[in-house]
Amino acid sequence: MTKKERSLSDNVCEERIFSKIYEENATDLHDFIYYKYGAHFDPKDKTQEAFLTLWQKCKKIPPEKARSFLFTVANNLTLNEIKHQKVVLEYQKNEPSRSSTNHTPQFLLEEKQYLEKFQRALAELPEKQRIAFLLNRVEGKRHKEIADILNISRKAVEKRIYKALATLRKKIEKI
């Protein structure tokens, strides 16, 4: 049986193939959504929904295209949620505010500007620094754990985090 014939007979609907695809891609898919869009878009759910969609369309998707399909589905799910949240925000802007805060408008404006500045600075970090920084500061992982995950030395992790912090401090002044 040639490689092409074997790939045609292999089917994502087969449990062993689907399991292998899941094991090889679930973590990468979760991290892709997490680092691209953030935790507030629920990357675990997007990962599960993408695999559910793959399972539902398993006869149409060849195993060699499954990874691409999963990433496309997860990305589209997240983009759809972003669009939905924009609609919700637009609706909330047009509705009279029912809740009041003790914060002054000046404080709220400064807080918003700071957050935007921080997010922009974080996005501009080199990928290796951003990943190490987020694993440490967001997920609370220790340097040793990050070193094991990224398959680098502990010193390299410390250097990446230190450089990320230095860059963020430079780009976000007046903290």
C-alpha atoms as a PDB file:
ATOM      1  CA  MET A   1       0.000   0.000   0.000  1.00  0.00           C
ATOM      2  CA  THR A   2       1.511   3.368  -0.984  1.00  0.00           C
ATOM      3  CA  LYS A   3       1.657   6.344   1.339  1.00  0.00           C
ATOM      4  CA  LYS A   4      -1.147   8.092  -0.548  1.00  0.00           C
ATOM      5  CA  GLU A   5      -3.389   5.020  -0.434  1.00  0.00           C
ATOM      6  CA  ARG A   6      -2.665   4.609   3.274  1.00  0.00           C
ATOM      7  CA  SER A   7      -3.549   8.258   4.001  1.00  0.00           C
ATOM      8  CA  LEU A   8      -6.827   7.845   2.110  1.00  0.00           C
ATOM      9  CA  SER A   9      -7.702   4.771   4.127  1.00  0.00           C
ATOM     10  CA  ASP A  10      -6.696   6.480   7.402  1.00  0.00           C
ATOM     11  CA  ASN A  11      -9.570   8.444   8.730  1.00  0.00           C
ATOM     12  CA  VAL A  12      -9.762  11.056  11.493  1.00  0.00           C
ATOM     13  CA  CYS A  13     -12.884   9.206  12.676  1.00  0.00           C
ATOM     14  CA  GLU A  14     -10.679   6.299  13.767  1.00  0.00           C
ATOM     15  CA  GLU A  15     -10.177   6.598  17.497  1.00  0.00           C
ATOM     16  CA  ARG A  16      -6.410   5.985  17.437  1.00  0.00           C
ATOM     17  CA  ILE A  17      -5.839   8.668  14.805  1.00  0.00           C
ATOM     18  CA  PHE A  18      -8.106  11.195  16.511  1.00  0.00           C
ATOM     19  CA  SER A  19      -6.383  10.502  19.853  1.00  0.00           C
ATOM     20  CA  LYS A  20      -2.976  10.978  18.281  1.00  0.00           C
ATOM     21  CA  ILE A  21      -4.065  14.268  16.690  1.00  0.00           C
ATOM     22  CA  TYR A  22      -5.440  15.395  20.056  1.00  0.00           C
ATOM     23  CA  GLU A  23      -2.260  14.501  21.939  1.00  0.00           C
ATOM     24  CA  GLU A  24      -0.041  16.214  19.374  1.00  0.00           C
ATOM     25  CA  ASN A  25      -2.068  19.413  19.010  1.00  0.00           C
ATOM     26  CA  ALA A  26      -4.202  20.164  22.073  1.00  0.00           C
ATOM     27  CA  THR A  27      -1.518  21.986  24.064  1.00  0.00           C
ATOM     28  CA  ASP A  28      -0.227  23.921  21.065  1.00  0.00           C
ATOM     29  CA  LEU A  29      -3.753  24.943  20.103  1.00  0.00           C
ATOM     30  CA  HIS A  30      -4.569  26.080  23.645  1.00  0.00           C
ATOM     31  CA  ASP A  31      -1.340  28.089  23.858  1.00  0.00           C
ATOM     32  CA  PHE A  32      -1.925  29.629  20.427  1.00  0.00           C
ATOM     33  CA  ILE A  33      -5.317  30.985  21.476  1.00  0.00           C
ATOM     34  CA  TYR A  34      -4.050  31.982  24.923  1.00  0.00           C
ATOM     35  CA  TYR A  35      -1.043  33.933  23.677  1.00  0.00           C
ATOM     36  CA  LYS A  36      -2.764  35.449  20.679  1.00  0.00           C
ATOM     37  CA  TYR A  37      -5.983  36.578  22.368  1.00  0.00           C
ATOM     38  CA  GLY A  38      -5.522  36.149  26.126  1.00  0.00           C
ATOM     39  CA  ALA A  39      -7.128  34.120  28.879  1.00  0.00           C
ATOM     40  CA  HIS A  40     -10.399  36.067  28.887  1.00  0.00           C
ATOM     41  CA  PHE A  41     -11.365  34.386  25.592  1.00  0.00           C
ATOM     42  CA  ASP A  42     -11.287  30.981  27.307  1.00  0.00           C
ATOM     43  CA  PRO A  43      -8.668  29.066  25.283  1.00  0.00           C
ATOM     44  CA  LYS A  44      -9.632  25.740  26.913  1.00  0.00           C
ATOM     45  CA  ASP A  45     -13.171  26.019  25.588  1.00  0.00           C
ATOM     46  CA  LYS A  46     -11.977  27.100  22.142  1.00  0.00           C
ATOM     47  CA  THR A  47      -9.631  24.111  22.024  1.00  0.00           C
ATOM     48  CA  GLN A  48     -12.415  21.721  22.978  1.00  0.00           C
ATOM     49  CA  GLU A  49     -14.837  23.281  20.489  1.00  0.00           C
ATOM     50  CA  ALA A  50     -12.244  22.981  17.717  1.00  0.00           C
ATOM     51  CA  PHE A  51     -11.745  19.267  18.458  1.00  0.00           C
ATOM     52  CA  LEU A  52     -15.499  18.755  18.647  1.00  0.00           C
ATOM     53  CA  THR A  53     -15.867  20.362  15.215  1.00  0.00           C
ATOM     54  CA  LEU A  54     -13.065  18.141  13.890  1.00  0.00           C
ATOM     55  CA  TRP A  55     -14.880  15.088  15.254  1.00  0.00           C
ATOM     56  CA  GLN A  56     -18.152  16.181  13.658  1.00  0.00           C
ATOM     57  CA  LYS A  57     -16.445  16.637  10.291  1.00  0.00           C
ATOM     58  CA  CYS A  58     -13.973  13.785  10.656  1.00  0.00           C
ATOM     59  CA  LYS A  59     -14.911  12.073   7.384  1.00  0.00           C
ATOM     60  CA  LYS A  60     -14.209  15.219   5.385  1.00  0.00           C
ATOM     61  CA  ILE A  61     -10.841  16.141   6.958  1.00  0.00           C
ATOM     62  CA  PRO A  62      -7.754  14.051   6.107  1.00  0.00           C
ATOM     63  CA  PRO A  63      -5.377  13.456   9.044  1.00  0.00           C
ATOM     64  CA  GLU A  64      -2.581  15.499   7.460  1.00  0.00           C
ATOM     65  CA  LYS A  65      -4.857  18.575   7.312  1.00  0.00           C
ATOM     66  CA  ALA A  66      -6.314  18.169  10.810  1.00  0.00           C
ATOM     67  CA  ARG A  67      -3.824  20.501  12.532  1.00  0.00           C
ATOM     68  CA  SER A  68      -4.477  23.328  10.097  1.00  0.00           C
ATOM     69  CA  PHE A  69      -8.225  22.745  10.393  1.00  0.00           C
ATOM     70  CA  LEU A  70      -8.072  22.885  14.203  1.00  0.00           C
ATOM     71  CA  PHE A  71      -6.110  26.130  14.287  1.00  0.00           C
ATOM     72  CA  THR A  72      -8.411  27.740  11.727  1.00  0.00           C
ATOM     73  CA  VAL A  73     -11.549  26.691  13.612  1.00  0.00           C
ATOM     74  CA  ALA A  74     -10.194  27.850  16.993  1.00  0.00           C
ATOM     75  CA  ASN A  75      -9.057  31.168  15.531  1.00  0.00           C
ATOM     76  CA  ASN A  76     -12.445  31.726  13.869  1.00  0.00           C
ATOM     77  CA  LEU A  77     -14.315  30.839  17.064  1.00  0.00           C
ATOM     78  CA  THR A  78     -12.272  33.426  18.954  1.00  0.00           C
ATOM     79  CA  LEU A  79     -12.745  36.078  16.271  1.00  0.00           C
ATOM     80  CA  ASN A  80     -16.506  35.447  16.360  1.00  0.00           C
ATOM     81  CA  GLU A  81     -16.510  35.912  20.115  1.00  0.00           C
ATOM     82  CA  ILE A  82     -14.569  39.169  19.735  1.00  0.00           C
ATOM     83  CA  LYS A  83     -17.178  40.413  17.254  1.00  0.00           C
ATOM     84  CA  HIS A  84     -19.934  39.422  19.656  1.00  0.00           C
ATOM     85  CA  GLN A  85     -18.275  41.252  22.538  1.00  0.00           C
ATOM     86  CA  LYS A  86     -17.971  44.376  20.383  1.00  0.00           C
ATOM     87  CA  VAL A  87     -21.713  44.243  19.770  1.00  0.00           C
ATOM     88  CA  VAL A  88     -22.348  43.814  23.495  1.00  0.00           C
ATOM     89  CA  LEU A  89     -20.051  46.753  24.311  1.00  0.00           C
ATOM     90  CA  GLU A  90     -21.748  48.909  21.718  1.00  0.00           C
ATOM     91  CA  TYR A  91     -25.113  48.060  23.258  1.00  0.00           C
ATOM     92  CA  GLN A  92     -23.833  48.863  26.743  1.00  0.00           C
ATOM     93  CA  LYS A  93     -22.512  52.237  25.560  1.00  0.00           C
ATOM     94  CA  ASN A  94     -25.946  53.155  24.260  1.00  0.00           C
ATOM     95  CA  GLU A  95     -27.718  52.010  27.423  1.00  0.00           C
ATOM     96  CA  PRO A  96     -27.714  54.389  30.385  1.00  0.00           C
ATOM     97  CA  SER A  97     -25.279  53.239  33.017  1.00  0.00           C
ATOM     98  CA  ARG A  98     -26.992  51.501  35.908  1.00  0.00           C
ATOM     99  CA  SER A  99     -23.912  51.045  38.030  1.00  0.00           C
ATOM    100  CA  SER A 100     -21.779  53.836  39.342  1.00  0.00           C
ATOM    101  CA  THR A 101     -18.254  53.741  40.662  1.00  0.00           C
ATOM    102  CA  ASN A 102     -16.339  55.956  42.996  1.00  0.00           C
ATOM    103  CA  HIS A 103     -13.605  56.436  40.395  1.00  0.00           C
ATOM    104  CA  THR A 104     -13.185  59.786  38.777  1.00  0.00           C
ATOM    105  CA  PRO A 105     -13.339  60.066  35.000  1.00  0.00           C
ATOM    106  CA  GLN A 106      -9.661  61.091  35.057  1.00  0.00           C
ATOM    107  CA  PHE A 107      -8.731  57.884  36.911  1.00  0.00           C
ATOM    108  CA  LEU A 108     -10.760  55.737  34.518  1.00  0.00           C
ATOM    109  CA  LEU A 109      -9.130  57.389  31.513  1.00  0.00           C
ATOM    110  CA  GLU A 110      -5.632  56.927  32.929  1.00  0.00           C
ATOM    111  CA  GLU A 111      -6.401  53.299  33.762  1.00  0.00           C
ATOM    112  CA  LYS A 112      -7.594  52.661  30.212  1.00  0.00           C
ATOM    113  CA  GLN A 113      -4.554  54.393  28.704  1.00  0.00           C
ATOM    114  CA  TYR A 114      -2.198  52.420  30.947  1.00  0.00           C
ATOM    115  CA  LEU A 115      -3.839  49.124  30.003  1.00  0.00           C
ATOM    116  CA  GLU A 116      -3.615  49.939  26.295  1.00  0.00           C
ATOM    117  CA  LYS A 117       0.041  50.949  26.686  1.00  0.00           C
ATOM    118  CA  PHE A 118       0.822  47.744  28.584  1.00  0.00           C
ATOM    119  CA  GLN A 119      -0.936  45.515  26.039  1.00  0.00           C
ATOM    120  CA  ARG A 120       0.862  47.243  23.163  1.00  0.00           C
ATOM    121  CA  ALA A 121       4.235  46.891  24.900  1.00  0.00           C
ATOM    122  CA  LEU A 122       3.546  43.238  25.687  1.00  0.00           C
ATOM    123  CA  ALA A 123       2.619  42.542  22.055  1.00  0.00           C
ATOM    124  CA  GLU A 124       5.868  44.175  20.880  1.00  0.00           C
ATOM    125  CA  LEU A 125       8.062  41.914  23.022  1.00  0.00           C
ATOM    126  CA  PRO A 126       9.986  39.251  21.133  1.00  0.00           C
ATOM    127  CA  GLU A 127       8.032  35.994  21.180  1.00  0.00           C
ATOM    128  CA  LYS A 128      10.536  34.099  23.371  1.00  0.00           C
ATOM    129  CA  GLN A 129      10.535  36.841  26.002  1.00  0.00           C
ATOM    130  CA  ARG A 130       6.748  37.232  25.910  1.00  0.00           C
ATOM    131  CA  ILE A 131       6.189  33.487  26.370  1.00  0.00           C
ATOM    132  CA  ALA A 132       8.603  33.225  29.307  1.00  0.00           C
ATOM    133  CA  PHE A 133       7.152  36.376  30.880  1.00  0.00           C
ATOM    134  CA  LEU A 134       3.532  35.216  30.534  1.00  0.00           C
ATOM    135  CA  LEU A 135       4.286  31.725  31.817  1.00  0.00           C
ATOM    136  CA  ASN A 136       5.915  33.281  34.874  1.00  0.00           C
ATOM    137  CA  ARG A 137       3.641  36.241  35.607  1.00  0.00           C
ATOM    138  CA  VAL A 138       0.281  35.031  34.318  1.00  0.00           C
ATOM    139  CA  GLU A 139       0.400  31.288  34.906  1.00  0.00           C
ATOM    140  CA  GLY A 140       2.622  31.588  37.994  1.00  0.00           C
ATOM    141  CA  LYS A 141       5.136  29.015  36.854  1.00  0.00           C
ATOM    142  CA  ARG A 142       8.584  28.934  38.439  1.00  0.00           C
ATOM    143  CA  HIS A 143      11.738  29.406  36.400  1.00  0.00           C
ATOM    144  CA  LYS A 144      12.578  25.694  36.604  1.00  0.00           C
ATOM    145  CA  GLU A 145       9.115  24.719  35.311  1.00  0.00           C
ATOM    146  CA  ILE A 146       9.397  27.178  32.437  1.00  0.00           C
ATOM    147  CA  ALA A 147      12.851  25.847  31.590  1.00  0.00           C
ATOM    148  CA  ASP A 148      11.422  22.326  31.411  1.00  0.00           C
ATOM    149  CA  ILE A 149       8.470  23.429  29.259  1.00  0.00           C
ATOM    150  CA  LEU A 150      10.610  25.414  26.813  1.00  0.00           C
ATOM    151  CA  ASN A 151      13.495  22.942  26.910  1.00  0.00           C
ATOM    152  CA  ILE A 152      16.061  25.633  27.795  1.00  0.00           C
ATOM    153  CA  SER A 153      18.272  26.347  30.795  1.00  0.00           C
ATOM    154  CA  ARG A 154      17.004  28.072  33.899  1.00  0.00           C
ATOM    155  CA  LYS A 155      19.441  30.934  33.308  1.00  0.00           C
ATOM    156  CA  ALA A 156      17.990  31.447  29.816  1.00  0.00           C
ATOM    157  CA  VAL A 157      14.506  31.698  31.350  1.00  0.00           C
ATOM    158  CA  GLU A 158      15.727  34.243  33.910  1.00  0.00           C
ATOM    159  CA  LYS A 159      17.400  36.285  31.176  1.00  0.00           C
ATOM    160  CA  ARG A 160      14.258  36.290  29.012  1.00  0.00           C
ATOM    161  CA  ILE A 161      12.049  37.382  31.895  1.00  0.00           C
ATOM    162  CA  TYR A 162      14.558  40.043  32.988  1.00  0.00           C
ATOM    163  CA  LYS A 163      14.795  41.446  29.441  1.00  0.00           C
ATOM    164  CA  ALA A 164      10.992  41.415  29.103  1.00  0.00           C
ATOM    165  CA  LEU A 165      10.607  43.347  32.365  1.00  0.00           C
ATOM    166  CA  ALA A 166      13.282  45.865  31.364  1.00  0.00           C
ATOM    167  CA  THR A 167      11.623  46.413  27.985  1.00  0.00           C
ATOM    168  CA  LEU A 168       8.173  46.767  29.533  1.00  0.00           C
ATOM    169  CA  ARG A 169       9.473  49.303  32.091  1.00  0.00           C
ATOM    170  CA  LYS A 170      11.056  51.352  29.298  1.00  0.00           C
ATOM    171  CA  LYS A 171       7.944  51.327  27.141  1.00  0.00           C
ATOM    172  CA  ILE A 172       5.534  51.990  30.001  1.00  0.00           C
ATOM    173  CA  GLU A 173       6.784  55.068  31.742  1.00  0.00           C
ATOM    174  CA  LYS A 174       5.186  56.868  34.692  1.00  0.00           C
ATOM    175  CA  ILE A 175       4.224  53.756  36.607  1.00  0.00           C
END
